[in-house]
Each structure stands twice: as structure tokens, then as C-alpha cells.
N, C-alpha and C. Protein backbone atom coordinates (compact mmCIF):
# COMPACT_ATOMS: atom_id res chain seq x y z
N UNK A 1 124.05 87.72 83.35
CA UNK A 1 123.31 86.61 82.75
C UNK A 1 122.03 86.41 83.56
N UNK A 2 120.94 86.21 82.87
CA UNK A 2 119.64 86.03 83.51
C UNK A 2 119.51 84.64 84.13
N UNK A 3 118.48 84.46 84.92
CA UNK A 3 118.22 83.18 85.58
C UNK A 3 118.16 82.03 84.59
N UNK A 4 117.32 82.18 83.57
CA UNK A 4 117.14 81.09 82.60
C UNK A 4 118.43 80.74 81.88
N UNK A 5 119.12 81.73 81.41
CA UNK A 5 120.39 81.47 80.71
C UNK A 5 121.44 80.91 81.66
N UNK A 6 121.46 81.38 82.89
CA UNK A 6 122.44 80.87 83.87
C UNK A 6 122.20 79.39 84.13
N UNK A 7 120.96 79.00 84.29
CA UNK A 7 120.64 77.59 84.52
C UNK A 7 121.05 76.75 83.32
N UNK A 8 120.71 77.21 82.12
CA UNK A 8 121.08 76.47 80.92
C UNK A 8 122.60 76.32 80.82
N UNK A 9 123.33 77.35 81.15
CA UNK A 9 124.79 77.31 81.06
C UNK A 9 125.38 76.34 82.08
N UNK A 10 124.89 76.38 83.31
CA UNK A 10 125.40 75.49 84.37
C UNK A 10 125.15 74.03 84.01
N UNK A 11 124.03 73.74 83.39
CA UNK A 11 123.66 72.35 83.09
C UNK A 11 124.24 71.82 81.78
N UNK A 12 124.74 72.70 80.94
CA UNK A 12 125.19 72.29 79.60
C UNK A 12 126.27 71.19 79.66
N UNK A 13 127.36 71.39 80.35
CA UNK A 13 128.47 70.42 80.37
C UNK A 13 128.08 69.10 81.07
N UNK A 14 127.47 69.14 82.26
CA UNK A 14 127.12 67.87 82.88
C UNK A 14 126.07 67.09 82.10
N UNK A 15 125.17 67.79 81.46
CA UNK A 15 124.17 67.12 80.63
C UNK A 15 124.83 66.45 79.44
N UNK A 16 125.73 67.15 78.81
CA UNK A 16 126.45 66.59 77.65
C UNK A 16 127.22 65.34 78.07
N UNK A 17 127.89 65.38 79.22
CA UNK A 17 128.67 64.23 79.69
C UNK A 17 127.76 63.02 79.95
N UNK A 18 126.63 63.26 80.59
CA UNK A 18 125.72 62.16 80.87
C UNK A 18 125.11 61.62 79.58
N UNK A 19 124.77 62.51 78.65
CA UNK A 19 124.21 62.08 77.37
C UNK A 19 125.20 61.19 76.62
N UNK A 20 126.48 61.50 76.72
CA UNK A 20 127.51 60.67 76.08
C UNK A 20 127.65 59.32 76.77
N UNK A 21 127.39 59.28 78.07
CA UNK A 21 127.51 58.02 78.82
C UNK A 21 126.33 57.08 78.57
N UNK A 22 125.14 57.66 78.35
CA UNK A 22 123.94 56.83 78.15
C UNK A 22 123.14 57.34 76.94
N UNK A 23 123.72 57.26 75.76
CA UNK A 23 123.06 57.85 74.59
C UNK A 23 121.71 57.21 74.25
N UNK A 24 121.55 55.93 74.44
CA UNK A 24 120.28 55.30 74.08
C UNK A 24 119.16 55.75 75.01
N UNK A 25 119.47 56.00 76.26
CA UNK A 25 118.46 56.50 77.20
C UNK A 25 118.03 57.91 76.77
N UNK A 26 119.01 58.74 76.44
CA UNK A 26 118.68 60.09 75.98
C UNK A 26 117.89 60.06 74.67
N UNK A 27 118.23 59.13 73.78
CA UNK A 27 117.49 59.01 72.52
C UNK A 27 116.03 58.63 72.78
N UNK A 28 115.83 57.69 73.70
CA UNK A 28 114.46 57.31 74.06
C UNK A 28 113.70 58.47 74.68
N UNK A 29 114.37 59.22 75.54
CA UNK A 29 113.73 60.38 76.15
C UNK A 29 113.40 61.42 75.08
N UNK A 30 114.30 61.62 74.14
CA UNK A 30 114.07 62.60 73.06
C UNK A 30 112.85 62.21 72.22
N UNK A 31 112.70 60.92 71.96
CA UNK A 31 111.54 60.45 71.20
C UNK A 31 110.25 60.69 71.98
N UNK A 32 110.28 60.42 73.28
CA UNK A 32 109.12 60.69 74.13
C UNK A 32 108.81 62.19 74.14
N UNK A 33 109.82 63.00 74.33
CA UNK A 33 109.69 64.45 74.33
C UNK A 33 109.02 64.93 73.04
N UNK A 34 109.56 64.49 71.90
CA UNK A 34 109.04 64.93 70.61
C UNK A 34 107.60 64.48 70.40
N UNK A 35 107.29 63.26 70.81
CA UNK A 35 105.93 62.74 70.66
C UNK A 35 104.95 63.50 71.56
N UNK A 36 105.34 63.74 72.79
CA UNK A 36 104.45 64.42 73.74
C UNK A 36 104.19 65.87 73.34
N UNK A 37 105.18 66.52 72.75
CA UNK A 37 105.04 67.94 72.42
C UNK A 37 104.64 68.19 70.97
N UNK A 38 104.40 67.15 70.21
CA UNK A 38 103.97 67.32 68.83
C UNK A 38 102.58 67.95 68.80
N UNK A 39 102.32 68.79 67.79
CA UNK A 39 100.98 69.37 67.70
C UNK A 39 99.93 68.28 67.50
N UNK A 40 98.82 68.45 68.16
CA UNK A 40 97.70 67.52 68.04
C UNK A 40 96.45 68.30 68.40
N UNK A 41 95.61 67.75 69.26
CA UNK A 41 94.43 68.47 69.73
C UNK A 41 94.85 69.74 70.48
N UNK A 42 96.01 69.68 71.14
CA UNK A 42 96.61 70.86 71.76
C UNK A 42 97.78 71.32 70.90
N UNK A 43 97.92 72.63 70.75
CA UNK A 43 99.06 73.14 70.00
C UNK A 43 100.32 73.10 70.87
N UNK A 44 101.45 73.27 70.26
CA UNK A 44 102.73 73.17 70.97
C UNK A 44 102.85 74.26 72.04
N UNK A 45 102.36 75.45 71.76
CA UNK A 45 102.42 76.55 72.74
C UNK A 45 101.71 76.13 74.03
N UNK A 46 100.52 75.57 73.91
CA UNK A 46 99.76 75.14 75.08
C UNK A 46 100.49 74.03 75.82
N UNK A 47 101.05 73.08 75.07
CA UNK A 47 101.78 71.99 75.70
C UNK A 47 103.01 72.51 76.44
N UNK A 48 103.69 73.48 75.89
CA UNK A 48 104.85 74.05 76.58
C UNK A 48 104.44 74.79 77.84
N UNK A 49 103.29 75.45 77.82
CA UNK A 49 102.80 76.12 79.03
C UNK A 49 102.45 75.10 80.10
N UNK A 50 101.88 73.97 79.69
CA UNK A 50 101.60 72.89 80.64
C UNK A 50 102.91 72.37 81.23
N UNK A 51 103.89 72.14 80.37
CA UNK A 51 105.19 71.65 80.83
C UNK A 51 105.83 72.65 81.79
N UNK A 52 105.68 73.92 81.49
CA UNK A 52 106.24 74.95 82.38
C UNK A 52 105.59 74.89 83.75
N UNK A 53 104.27 74.76 83.79
CA UNK A 53 103.58 74.68 85.07
C UNK A 53 104.00 73.43 85.86
N UNK A 54 104.16 72.33 85.17
CA UNK A 54 104.61 71.11 85.84
C UNK A 54 106.04 71.28 86.34
N UNK A 55 106.88 71.94 85.55
CA UNK A 55 108.27 72.19 85.97
C UNK A 55 108.30 72.99 87.27
N UNK A 56 107.39 73.95 87.41
CA UNK A 56 107.29 74.71 88.66
C UNK A 56 106.90 73.78 89.79
N UNK A 57 105.90 72.95 89.58
CA UNK A 57 105.45 72.02 90.62
C UNK A 57 106.54 71.04 91.03
N UNK A 58 107.35 70.64 90.05
CA UNK A 58 108.43 69.68 90.33
C UNK A 58 109.70 70.36 90.84
N UNK A 59 109.69 71.70 90.88
CA UNK A 59 110.83 72.47 91.37
C UNK A 59 112.11 72.13 90.61
N UNK A 60 112.00 72.09 89.29
CA UNK A 60 113.12 71.71 88.42
C UNK A 60 113.61 72.93 87.64
N UNK A 61 114.73 73.50 88.08
CA UNK A 61 115.26 74.69 87.43
C UNK A 61 115.56 74.46 85.95
N UNK A 62 116.16 73.33 85.62
CA UNK A 62 116.47 73.04 84.23
C UNK A 62 115.21 72.93 83.38
N UNK A 63 114.19 72.29 83.92
CA UNK A 63 112.92 72.16 83.21
C UNK A 63 112.25 73.52 83.04
N UNK A 64 112.30 74.34 84.09
CA UNK A 64 111.72 75.68 84.02
C UNK A 64 112.40 76.46 82.91
N UNK A 65 113.71 76.45 82.88
CA UNK A 65 114.44 77.19 81.85
C UNK A 65 114.10 76.67 80.45
N UNK A 66 114.10 75.36 80.30
CA UNK A 66 113.84 74.77 78.98
C UNK A 66 112.43 75.08 78.49
N UNK A 67 111.45 74.93 79.34
CA UNK A 67 110.07 75.10 78.90
C UNK A 67 109.66 76.57 78.84
N UNK A 68 110.27 77.41 79.66
CA UNK A 68 110.04 78.86 79.52
C UNK A 68 110.56 79.32 78.16
N UNK A 69 111.74 78.86 77.83
CA UNK A 69 112.34 79.21 76.53
C UNK A 69 111.48 78.69 75.39
N UNK A 70 111.07 77.45 75.46
CA UNK A 70 110.27 76.86 74.40
C UNK A 70 108.90 77.54 74.29
N UNK A 71 108.31 77.90 75.42
CA UNK A 71 107.01 78.58 75.39
C UNK A 71 107.12 79.92 74.66
N UNK A 72 108.19 80.64 74.93
CA UNK A 72 108.41 81.91 74.22
C UNK A 72 108.59 81.65 72.72
N UNK A 73 109.40 80.65 72.38
CA UNK A 73 109.63 80.32 70.96
C UNK A 73 108.33 79.99 70.24
N UNK A 74 107.37 79.44 70.97
CA UNK A 74 106.11 79.03 70.34
C UNK A 74 105.01 80.08 70.52
N UNK A 75 105.39 81.29 70.92
CA UNK A 75 104.47 82.41 70.91
C UNK A 75 103.64 82.65 72.14
N UNK A 76 103.96 82.02 73.26
CA UNK A 76 103.21 82.26 74.49
C UNK A 76 103.44 83.69 74.97
N UNK A 77 102.41 84.27 75.54
CA UNK A 77 102.51 85.63 76.08
C UNK A 77 102.88 85.57 77.56
N UNK A 78 103.39 86.67 78.10
CA UNK A 78 103.67 86.70 79.54
C UNK A 78 102.43 86.41 80.39
N UNK A 79 101.29 86.91 79.97
CA UNK A 79 100.07 86.65 80.74
C UNK A 79 99.71 85.17 80.72
N UNK A 80 99.88 84.53 79.56
CA UNK A 80 99.62 83.09 79.49
C UNK A 80 100.56 82.32 80.41
N UNK A 81 101.83 82.69 80.40
CA UNK A 81 102.79 82.02 81.29
C UNK A 81 102.43 82.25 82.75
N UNK A 82 102.07 83.49 83.08
CA UNK A 82 101.70 83.80 84.47
C UNK A 82 100.50 82.97 84.91
N UNK A 83 99.51 82.85 84.04
CA UNK A 83 98.32 82.09 84.40
C UNK A 83 98.62 80.60 84.52
N UNK A 84 99.48 80.07 83.65
CA UNK A 84 99.88 78.67 83.76
C UNK A 84 100.62 78.44 85.08
N UNK A 85 101.48 79.37 85.45
CA UNK A 85 102.21 79.27 86.71
C UNK A 85 101.24 79.38 87.88
N UNK A 86 100.20 80.19 87.73
CA UNK A 86 99.18 80.28 88.78
C UNK A 86 98.48 78.95 89.01
N UNK A 87 98.25 78.22 87.94
CA UNK A 87 97.66 76.88 88.09
C UNK A 87 98.63 75.97 88.83
N UNK A 88 99.93 76.12 88.57
CA UNK A 88 100.92 75.32 89.30
C UNK A 88 100.86 75.62 90.79
N UNK A 89 100.61 76.87 91.15
CA UNK A 89 100.45 77.21 92.57
C UNK A 89 99.31 76.39 93.17
N UNK A 90 98.21 76.31 92.43
CA UNK A 90 97.05 75.56 92.90
C UNK A 90 97.35 74.08 93.04
N UNK A 91 98.03 73.53 92.04
CA UNK A 91 98.19 72.08 91.95
C UNK A 91 99.54 71.58 92.44
N UNK A 92 100.31 72.39 93.12
CA UNK A 92 101.67 72.02 93.50
C UNK A 92 101.71 70.62 94.08
N UNK A 93 102.47 69.83 93.49
CA UNK A 93 102.56 68.43 93.86
C UNK A 93 102.52 67.59 92.59
N UNK A 94 101.88 68.11 91.60
CA UNK A 94 101.91 67.50 90.28
C UNK A 94 101.16 66.18 90.19
N UNK A 95 100.71 65.86 88.99
CA UNK A 95 100.00 64.61 88.80
C UNK A 95 100.95 63.42 88.74
N UNK A 96 100.51 62.32 89.24
CA UNK A 96 101.24 61.05 89.10
C UNK A 96 100.52 60.22 88.05
N UNK A 97 101.15 59.16 87.64
CA UNK A 97 100.52 58.36 86.58
C UNK A 97 99.18 57.80 87.00
N UNK A 98 99.02 57.42 88.22
CA UNK A 98 97.75 56.88 88.70
C UNK A 98 96.67 57.94 88.63
N UNK A 99 96.97 59.14 89.13
CA UNK A 99 95.97 60.20 89.13
C UNK A 99 95.75 60.74 87.72
N UNK A 100 96.78 60.71 86.86
CA UNK A 100 96.59 61.09 85.47
C UNK A 100 95.62 60.15 84.77
N UNK A 101 95.78 58.85 85.03
CA UNK A 101 94.86 57.87 84.43
C UNK A 101 93.44 58.06 84.97
N UNK A 102 93.32 58.35 86.25
CA UNK A 102 92.00 58.60 86.83
C UNK A 102 91.37 59.86 86.22
N UNK A 103 92.19 60.90 86.04
CA UNK A 103 91.68 62.14 85.46
C UNK A 103 91.21 61.92 84.03
N UNK A 104 91.97 61.15 83.26
CA UNK A 104 91.58 60.89 81.88
C UNK A 104 90.30 60.06 81.83
N UNK A 105 90.18 59.09 82.73
CA UNK A 105 88.96 58.29 82.79
C UNK A 105 87.76 59.17 83.13
N UNK A 106 87.92 60.09 84.07
CA UNK A 106 86.83 61.01 84.42
C UNK A 106 86.48 61.90 83.24
N UNK A 107 87.51 62.42 82.55
CA UNK A 107 87.27 63.28 81.40
C UNK A 107 86.47 62.56 80.33
N UNK A 108 86.89 61.34 80.00
CA UNK A 108 86.19 60.61 78.94
C UNK A 108 84.77 60.25 79.36
N UNK A 109 84.57 59.99 80.65
CA UNK A 109 83.23 59.72 81.16
C UNK A 109 82.33 60.94 80.97
N UNK A 110 82.81 62.13 81.38
CA UNK A 110 82.01 63.35 81.25
C UNK A 110 81.81 63.73 79.78
N UNK A 111 82.82 63.46 78.95
CA UNK A 111 82.68 63.73 77.53
C UNK A 111 81.57 62.86 76.93
N UNK A 112 81.54 61.60 77.30
CA UNK A 112 80.49 60.69 76.82
C UNK A 112 79.12 61.14 77.31
N UNK A 113 79.03 61.59 78.56
CA UNK A 113 77.76 62.08 79.09
C UNK A 113 77.29 63.31 78.31
N UNK A 114 78.20 64.20 78.04
CA UNK A 114 77.83 65.41 77.29
C UNK A 114 77.39 65.05 75.87
N UNK A 115 78.08 64.10 75.24
CA UNK A 115 77.70 63.67 73.89
C UNK A 115 76.28 63.11 73.90
N UNK A 116 75.94 62.35 74.94
CA UNK A 116 74.58 61.82 75.06
C UNK A 116 73.57 62.94 75.24
N UNK A 117 73.90 63.92 76.08
CA UNK A 117 72.99 65.05 76.33
C UNK A 117 72.79 65.88 75.05
N UNK A 118 73.84 65.98 74.26
CA UNK A 118 73.77 66.76 73.03
C UNK A 118 73.16 65.98 71.87
N UNK A 119 72.80 64.73 72.15
CA UNK A 119 72.16 63.92 71.13
C UNK A 119 73.13 63.22 70.20
N UNK A 120 74.42 63.23 70.56
CA UNK A 120 75.42 62.58 69.71
C UNK A 120 75.76 61.19 70.17
N UNK A 121 75.08 60.69 71.21
CA UNK A 121 75.37 59.49 71.90
C UNK A 121 75.47 58.24 71.25
């Protein structure tokens, strides 16, 4: 059995038991999961590659297995996965909500500046 399948198998029973103990928490998490990974400005493949890179940064075997599997299902190539993982090497430590909000504020600021420069201001 491969690494990914082995992790999924080891986690299957304890995850099921916990899900049965706190079903409403799991339902809320599932809704968040589905909303975050829904296609939008980014396609699902790209979002799964992002999730995979974050899973590496968070050192979460279960997350790595889940998002590696999902990335393959959504058509990611090995090179795309390797490059996403390379970004995780750079950013190891992962974003926190404070820094995520700061990053989004910076992005929208630069986007507005570019729109002004392009005459769309």
C-alpha cells in the first residue's frame, strides 16, 4: 500500500468515530470545505494545489493524502504538484488569518493602483 492510501486507511475508522460523535461540527466543516473549494476565479485544480502546499506546511499527513488525491482527480500534473510543493518549501509556516487579511489588503491596494494606471480607475 502506498503512502497516500496507507494514511487514508489509518485515519478512516477514527475519523468516522469522531464524525459520529460531533456530526454538526463535521457538517459545518464540510460546508466550509465545499464553499472554499468551489470553482470561482480560481478553478478547483488550482485550489487543491494550494491546499496541498498548505498541507505540506502544516505537516498534516491526512491533509496531504486528501488534497494530493483531489488534485489528481481535478487534473493536476506532477509538475504542477511539484511546483506547488516548492512554494510550500519557501513559505513553510503557513499563513495565519492576520497575515492572510494583510495579504488580501495589499493585493486589493495594488490591484486598485494598477486599475488607475491602466485608466480604469
